[in-house]
């Protein structure tokens, strides 16, 4: 329960402080976590994708992304990294790479 409250506080503060600094998009997601194991549970999370672009060697543009999730069994993760879009405006891949802090919770 403590990690869930910390996640909610972190997400709220992040939204408040970054709303005017970066133009970008938020995504809220949910799903099933650890589906191939006895500890299968539901999860919910939030991502912020910055519209700021970083040119890497004139070849590809990457954008910062931060987010986190919490599961029904109190596992949680807060992470940050980069993502990019490869393709056209209508059809593209969105690979990303992130690292963060994970807490196993009760599962």
Protein backbone atom coordinates (compact mmCIF):
# COMPACT_ATOMS: atom_id res chain seq x y z
CA UNK A 1 0.00 0.00 0.00
CA UNK A 2 2.88 2.35 0.78
CA UNK A 3 4.40 1.90 -2.70
CA UNK A 4 1.01 2.57 -4.30
CA UNK A 5 0.70 5.84 -2.38
CA UNK A 6 4.27 6.81 -3.31
CA UNK A 7 3.50 6.07 -6.98
CA UNK A 8 0.34 8.20 -6.91
CA UNK A 9 2.23 11.06 -5.24
CA UNK A 10 5.10 10.80 -7.75
CA UNK A 11 2.71 10.74 -10.72
CA UNK A 12 0.74 13.73 -9.41
CA UNK A 13 3.85 15.82 -8.74
CA UNK A 14 5.35 14.86 -12.09
CA UNK A 15 2.21 15.91 -13.98
CA UNK A 16 2.03 19.19 -12.05
CA UNK A 17 5.68 20.18 -12.52
CA UNK A 18 6.15 19.07 -16.13
CA UNK A 19 2.88 20.33 -17.54
CA UNK A 20 4.31 23.76 -18.41
CA UNK A 21 7.92 22.72 -18.98
CA UNK A 22 7.57 20.16 -21.76
CA UNK A 23 4.92 19.71 -24.39
CA UNK A 24 4.32 16.02 -24.74
CA UNK A 25 1.81 13.29 -24.19
CA UNK A 26 0.68 11.14 -21.33
CA UNK A 27 -0.50 7.60 -21.67
CA UNK A 28 -2.28 5.54 -19.07
CA UNK A 29 -2.06 1.79 -19.42
CA UNK A 30 -3.16 -1.40 -17.78
CA UNK A 31 -2.77 -5.10 -18.27
CA UNK A 32 -1.61 -8.38 -16.83
CA UNK A 33 1.79 -8.71 -15.17
CA UNK A 34 3.81 -11.93 -14.92
CA UNK A 35 1.20 -13.95 -16.85
CA UNK A 36 3.30 -17.14 -17.17
CA UNK A 37 3.79 -17.64 -13.43
CA UNK A 38 1.77 -18.38 -10.30
CA UNK A 39 2.00 -14.70 -9.33
CA UNK A 40 -0.10 -13.35 -12.22
CA UNK A 41 -1.71 -10.03 -11.32
CA UNK A 42 -3.16 -6.85 -12.85
CA UNK A 43 -1.16 -3.67 -13.34
CA UNK A 44 -1.81 0.00 -14.04
CA UNK A 45 0.65 2.70 -15.00
CA UNK A 46 1.36 6.06 -16.55
CA UNK A 47 3.95 7.25 -19.10
CA UNK A 48 5.02 10.73 -20.12
CA UNK A 49 6.53 11.07 -23.59
CA UNK A 50 8.30 14.39 -24.12
CA UNK A 51 8.04 16.08 -27.49
CA UNK A 52 11.65 17.26 -27.10
CA UNK A 53 13.86 15.59 -29.68
CA UNK A 54 17.54 14.71 -29.31
CA UNK A 55 19.38 14.17 -32.59
CA UNK A 56 21.73 11.18 -32.39
CA UNK A 57 24.51 11.38 -35.01
CA UNK A 58 22.11 12.95 -37.54
CA UNK A 59 20.58 9.51 -37.94
CA UNK A 60 17.75 9.16 -35.46
CA UNK A 61 15.80 11.39 -33.07
CA UNK A 62 15.11 10.14 -29.56
CA UNK A 63 12.74 11.58 -26.97
CA UNK A 64 12.80 11.29 -23.19
CA UNK A 65 10.15 9.10 -21.53
CA UNK A 66 9.41 8.56 -17.83
CA UNK A 67 6.76 6.54 -16.11
CA UNK A 68 5.81 3.98 -13.59
CA UNK A 69 3.41 1.21 -12.76
CA UNK A 70 1.93 -0.58 -9.76
CA UNK A 71 0.39 -4.07 -9.60
CA UNK A 72 -2.48 -5.44 -7.55
CA UNK A 73 0.13 -7.35 -5.49
CA UNK A 74 1.98 -4.10 -4.59
CA UNK A 75 4.90 -4.56 -7.00
CA UNK A 76 5.91 -1.21 -8.48
CA UNK A 77 8.43 0.36 -10.80
CA UNK A 78 9.44 3.92 -11.64
CA UNK A 79 11.58 4.29 -14.76
CA UNK A 80 13.06 6.72 -17.26
CA UNK A 81 14.67 6.39 -20.66
CA UNK A 82 14.25 7.21 -24.32
CA UNK A 83 12.01 6.23 -27.21
CA UNK A 84 11.87 6.90 -30.94
CA UNK A 85 9.54 6.44 -33.87
CA UNK A 86 10.74 4.61 -36.96
CA UNK A 87 8.51 4.68 -40.03
CA UNK A 88 5.91 6.99 -41.52
CA UNK A 89 3.35 9.17 -39.77
CA UNK A 90 0.63 6.52 -40.11
CA UNK A 91 2.63 3.32 -39.62
CA UNK A 92 5.63 3.22 -37.32
CA UNK A 93 7.51 1.25 -34.69
CA UNK A 94 8.03 2.85 -31.30
CA UNK A 95 11.08 1.19 -29.70
CA UNK A 96 12.15 2.37 -26.27
CA UNK A 97 14.84 1.74 -23.69
CA UNK A 98 14.41 2.54 -19.99
CA UNK A 99 15.90 1.78 -16.62
CA UNK A 100 14.44 2.29 -13.18
CA UNK A 101 13.74 1.22 -9.64
CA UNK A 102 11.64 -1.92 -8.99
CA UNK A 103 9.99 -3.17 -5.80
CA UNK A 104 8.72 -6.78 -5.79
CA UNK A 105 5.87 -6.05 -3.35
CA UNK A 106 3.84 -9.11 -2.33
CA UNK A 107 4.25 -10.97 -5.59
